[in-house]
Amino acid sequence: MKGFIFVPKPDDFLMKDRNLENYYNWVTGMKNAPYTDVIEGRYVARPVSESIPMEINKKETYYKVEKGTDINLAVHAISKAFYNSYDIAFFLSADTDYIKVYEILKGIGKITVVVGVKGQNVNSIRPIVDNTIILEEDFFDKCKREIAVKH
């Protein structure tokens, strides 16, 4: 089994946000995991106003725009399917933007499964894909790392 992780790379300004930098470094560290490819898009900061300079600690001064991540996922899913590189595609996103991708994959005979989290509405996706899986809180509880407490 092979996994593809699609992640936006923060621009230089957004890399000043330690939480975002840590998340990005953790995800891209998955490049070292066996059978895993990390495909990067971009995260770009834009000012909310030309008269107000962006400050990383003042989220009200900027907003983030994700570029390329969705198209990377769509292109990889369809091109890998075309070359018969997989039988089943699991999408860990219940984003309805991918409905056309699901339709194309199903049309060429690929099994498509959408994985969402409890509370997400997947009703518009269900008729288009082969299956949906909803992850609940207990699933995520099993994934948490124990944090050692120093005494």
Foldseek 3Di string as FASTA:
>chain_A
DAEEAQEEDEDPQLCVVVVVVVVVVVVVVCCPPPRYHYHYWHKYKDAPDPVADDDNVDPNGIDIDTGDRVVVVLVCLVVCVVVVVDQEDEAADLDCVCLVSLQVSVVSRHAYEYEEEPPDDNPVVVVSGPYYHYDYPVVVVVVDDDDDDDD
